[in-house]
């Protein structure tokens, strides 16, 4: 078993967080990313999602996910 860290964010609504995570994970794996990279991508998507209210409106774009990933490496 392997643990993957989450991104520190202030959550306001968890609606659709699982959908954001699972969709991003499926997308990353379909693109051929490693499980580690896919989990990081999906975790970023879920983290962004919980910072917003609602379902569809909370889903992040690929660009938003990429920005969080870059920011987390600084």
N, C-alpha and C. Protein backbone atom coordinates (compact mmCIF):
# COMPACT_ATOMS: atom_id res chain seq x y z
N UNK A 1 0.84 -1.16 0.00
CA UNK A 1 0.00 0.00 0.00
C UNK A 1 0.89 1.23 0.00
N UNK A 2 0.46 2.23 -0.71
CA UNK A 2 1.22 3.48 -0.79
C UNK A 2 0.29 4.63 -0.45
N UNK A 3 0.79 5.58 0.31
CA UNK A 3 0.02 6.77 0.67
C UNK A 3 0.45 7.92 -0.23
N UNK A 4 -0.52 8.74 -0.59
CA UNK A 4 -0.26 9.92 -1.41
C UNK A 4 -0.74 11.14 -0.64
N UNK A 5 0.12 12.13 -0.43
CA UNK A 5 -0.28 13.31 0.36
C UNK A 5 -1.31 14.16 -0.38
N UNK A 6 -2.08 14.86 0.42
CA UNK A 6 -3.07 15.77 -0.15
C UNK A 6 -2.48 17.18 -0.22
N UNK A 7 -3.21 18.07 -0.85
CA UNK A 7 -2.79 19.46 -0.95
C UNK A 7 -3.47 20.25 0.15
N UNK A 8 -2.73 21.10 0.87
CA UNK A 8 -3.36 21.89 1.94
C UNK A 8 -4.22 23.01 1.34
N UNK A 9 -5.52 22.92 1.56
CA UNK A 9 -6.46 23.94 1.08
C UNK A 9 -7.50 24.17 2.16
N UNK A 10 -8.23 25.26 2.04
CA UNK A 10 -9.35 25.53 2.95
C UNK A 10 -10.62 25.09 2.24
N UNK A 11 -11.23 24.03 2.74
CA UNK A 11 -12.43 23.48 2.12
C UNK A 11 -13.66 24.30 2.47
N UNK A 12 -14.50 24.54 1.47
CA UNK A 12 -15.77 25.24 1.70
C UNK A 12 -16.97 24.36 1.32
N UNK A 13 -16.77 23.36 0.46
CA UNK A 13 -17.87 22.49 0.04
C UNK A 13 -17.27 21.25 -0.62
N UNK A 14 -17.62 20.09 -0.09
CA UNK A 14 -17.05 18.85 -0.64
C UNK A 14 -17.87 18.24 -1.77
N UNK A 15 -18.94 18.92 -2.16
CA UNK A 15 -19.76 18.42 -3.27
C UNK A 15 -18.91 18.25 -4.52
N UNK A 16 -18.97 17.10 -5.12
CA UNK A 16 -18.28 16.75 -6.37
C UNK A 16 -16.77 16.56 -6.23
N UNK A 17 -16.25 16.57 -5.01
CA UNK A 17 -14.81 16.36 -4.84
C UNK A 17 -14.40 14.97 -5.33
N UNK A 18 -15.19 13.97 -5.01
CA UNK A 18 -14.90 12.62 -5.48
C UNK A 18 -15.00 12.50 -6.99
N UNK A 19 -15.97 13.19 -7.56
CA UNK A 19 -16.12 13.19 -9.02
C UNK A 19 -14.91 13.85 -9.67
N UNK A 20 -14.46 14.95 -9.10
CA UNK A 20 -13.28 15.65 -9.63
C UNK A 20 -12.06 14.74 -9.55
N UNK A 21 -11.88 14.10 -8.41
CA UNK A 21 -10.75 13.20 -8.21
C UNK A 21 -10.79 12.03 -9.19
N UNK A 22 -11.91 11.34 -9.23
CA UNK A 22 -12.03 10.15 -10.07
C UNK A 22 -11.91 10.47 -11.56
N UNK A 23 -12.52 11.57 -11.97
CA UNK A 23 -12.42 11.98 -13.37
C UNK A 23 -10.99 12.32 -13.76
N UNK A 24 -10.31 13.03 -12.88
CA UNK A 24 -8.91 13.41 -13.15
C UNK A 24 -8.01 12.18 -13.14
N UNK A 25 -8.27 11.25 -12.23
CA UNK A 25 -7.47 10.02 -12.17
C UNK A 25 -7.65 9.22 -13.46
N UNK A 26 -8.89 9.04 -13.89
CA UNK A 26 -9.16 8.30 -15.12
C UNK A 26 -8.51 8.98 -16.33
N UNK A 27 -8.61 10.29 -16.38
CA UNK A 27 -8.02 11.05 -17.48
C UNK A 27 -6.50 10.86 -17.52
N UNK A 28 -5.86 11.01 -16.38
CA UNK A 28 -4.41 10.89 -16.31
C UNK A 28 -3.94 9.48 -16.68
N UNK A 29 -4.65 8.47 -16.19
CA UNK A 29 -4.26 7.10 -16.52
C UNK A 29 -4.49 6.81 -18.01
N UNK A 30 -5.58 7.33 -18.57
CA UNK A 30 -5.86 7.15 -20.00
C UNK A 30 -4.79 7.80 -20.86
N UNK A 31 -4.17 8.85 -20.34
CA UNK A 31 -3.09 9.53 -21.05
C UNK A 31 -1.75 8.81 -20.91
N UNK A 32 -1.73 7.74 -20.11
CA UNK A 32 -0.51 6.95 -19.96
C UNK A 32 0.40 7.40 -18.83
N UNK A 33 -0.10 8.24 -17.94
CA UNK A 33 0.73 8.68 -16.82
C UNK A 33 0.93 7.53 -15.84
N UNK A 34 2.00 7.61 -15.08
CA UNK A 34 2.23 6.61 -14.03
C UNK A 34 1.17 6.78 -12.94
N UNK A 35 0.99 5.73 -12.14
CA UNK A 35 0.00 5.82 -11.06
C UNK A 35 0.36 6.96 -10.12
N UNK A 36 1.63 7.14 -9.82
CA UNK A 36 2.04 8.22 -8.92
C UNK A 36 1.68 9.59 -9.50
N UNK A 37 1.98 9.81 -10.75
CA UNK A 37 1.64 11.09 -11.39
C UNK A 37 0.13 11.28 -11.49
N UNK A 38 -0.57 10.19 -11.81
CA UNK A 38 -2.03 10.26 -11.93
C UNK A 38 -2.68 10.59 -10.58
N UNK A 39 -2.17 10.00 -9.51
CA UNK A 39 -2.71 10.27 -8.18
C UNK A 39 -2.45 11.72 -7.78
N UNK A 40 -1.30 12.22 -8.09
CA UNK A 40 -0.99 13.63 -7.78
C UNK A 40 -1.90 14.57 -8.56
N UNK A 41 -2.11 14.29 -9.84
CA UNK A 41 -3.00 15.08 -10.69
C UNK A 41 -4.43 15.04 -10.13
N UNK A 42 -4.90 13.85 -9.78
CA UNK A 42 -6.25 13.69 -9.24
C UNK A 42 -6.41 14.36 -7.88
N UNK A 43 -5.40 14.25 -7.05
CA UNK A 43 -5.44 14.89 -5.74
C UNK A 43 -5.53 16.41 -5.88
N UNK A 44 -4.82 16.95 -6.84
CA UNK A 44 -4.89 18.39 -7.09
C UNK A 44 -6.29 18.79 -7.55
N UNK A 45 -6.88 17.97 -8.41
CA UNK A 45 -8.24 18.26 -8.88
C UNK A 45 -9.23 18.25 -7.73
N UNK A 46 -9.14 17.26 -6.86
CA UNK A 46 -10.03 17.19 -5.71
C UNK A 46 -9.81 18.34 -4.75
N UNK A 47 -8.57 18.72 -4.56
CA UNK A 47 -8.25 19.84 -3.66
C UNK A 47 -8.85 21.14 -4.17
N UNK A 48 -8.72 21.39 -5.44
CA UNK A 48 -9.29 22.61 -6.01
C UNK A 48 -10.80 22.59 -5.88
N UNK A 49 -11.40 21.44 -6.15
CA UNK A 49 -12.85 21.30 -6.11
C UNK A 49 -13.45 21.70 -4.77
N UNK A 50 -12.82 21.30 -3.67
CA UNK A 50 -13.40 21.59 -2.35
C UNK A 50 -13.27 23.06 -1.95
N UNK A 51 -12.52 23.83 -2.71
CA UNK A 51 -12.39 25.26 -2.38
C UNK A 51 -13.51 26.10 -2.99
N UNK A 52 -14.42 25.43 -3.71
CA UNK A 52 -15.51 26.13 -4.40
C UNK A 52 -16.85 25.50 -4.02
N UNK A 53 -17.89 26.30 -4.13
CA UNK A 53 -19.23 25.79 -3.84
C UNK A 53 -19.86 25.19 -5.09
N UNK A 54 -20.67 24.17 -4.86
CA UNK A 54 -21.44 23.58 -5.95
C UNK A 54 -20.79 22.35 -6.55
N UNK A 55 -21.43 21.84 -7.59
CA UNK A 55 -20.94 20.62 -8.24
C UNK A 55 -20.17 20.97 -9.51
N UNK A 56 -20.87 21.22 -10.59
CA UNK A 56 -20.18 21.51 -11.86
C UNK A 56 -19.28 22.73 -11.76
N UNK A 57 -19.73 23.74 -11.05
CA UNK A 57 -18.93 24.96 -10.93
C UNK A 57 -17.63 24.74 -10.15
N UNK A 58 -17.56 23.66 -9.39
CA UNK A 58 -16.36 23.43 -8.59
C UNK A 58 -15.30 22.63 -9.34
N UNK A 59 -15.65 22.05 -10.48
CA UNK A 59 -14.69 21.22 -11.21
C UNK A 59 -13.60 22.07 -11.84
N UNK A 60 -12.34 21.74 -11.57
CA UNK A 60 -11.23 22.55 -12.09
C UNK A 60 -10.92 22.25 -13.55
N UNK A 61 -10.29 23.20 -14.20
CA UNK A 61 -9.80 22.98 -15.56
C UNK A 61 -8.41 22.34 -15.48
N UNK A 62 -7.98 21.81 -16.58
CA UNK A 62 -6.63 21.22 -16.65
C UNK A 62 -5.57 22.27 -16.31
N UNK A 63 -5.77 23.50 -16.77
CA UNK A 63 -4.83 24.58 -16.51
C UNK A 63 -4.76 24.89 -15.01
N UNK A 64 -5.90 24.90 -14.35
CA UNK A 64 -5.91 25.16 -12.90
C UNK A 64 -5.18 24.06 -12.14
N UNK A 65 -5.37 22.83 -12.57
CA UNK A 65 -4.68 21.72 -11.93
C UNK A 65 -3.17 21.86 -12.14
N UNK A 66 -2.77 22.16 -13.35
CA UNK A 66 -1.34 22.33 -13.66
C UNK A 66 -0.72 23.43 -12.82
N UNK A 67 -1.44 24.54 -12.65
CA UNK A 67 -0.92 25.65 -11.84
C UNK A 67 -0.72 25.24 -10.39
N UNK A 68 -1.67 24.48 -9.83
CA UNK A 68 -1.52 24.02 -8.45
C UNK A 68 -0.33 23.07 -8.33
N UNK A 69 -0.15 22.21 -9.30
CA UNK A 69 0.98 21.28 -9.26
C UNK A 69 2.31 22.03 -9.30
N UNK A 70 2.41 23.03 -10.16
CA UNK A 70 3.64 23.83 -10.24
C UNK A 70 3.85 24.59 -8.93
N UNK A 71 2.79 25.20 -8.42
CA UNK A 71 2.90 25.98 -7.18
C UNK A 71 3.34 25.10 -6.01
N UNK A 72 2.87 23.88 -5.97
CA UNK A 72 3.21 22.99 -4.86
C UNK A 72 4.66 22.55 -4.89
N UNK A 73 5.31 22.68 -6.03
CA UNK A 73 6.72 22.28 -6.15
C UNK A 73 7.68 23.42 -5.84
N UNK A 74 7.15 24.62 -5.61
CA UNK A 74 8.01 25.78 -5.32
C UNK A 74 8.53 25.73 -3.90
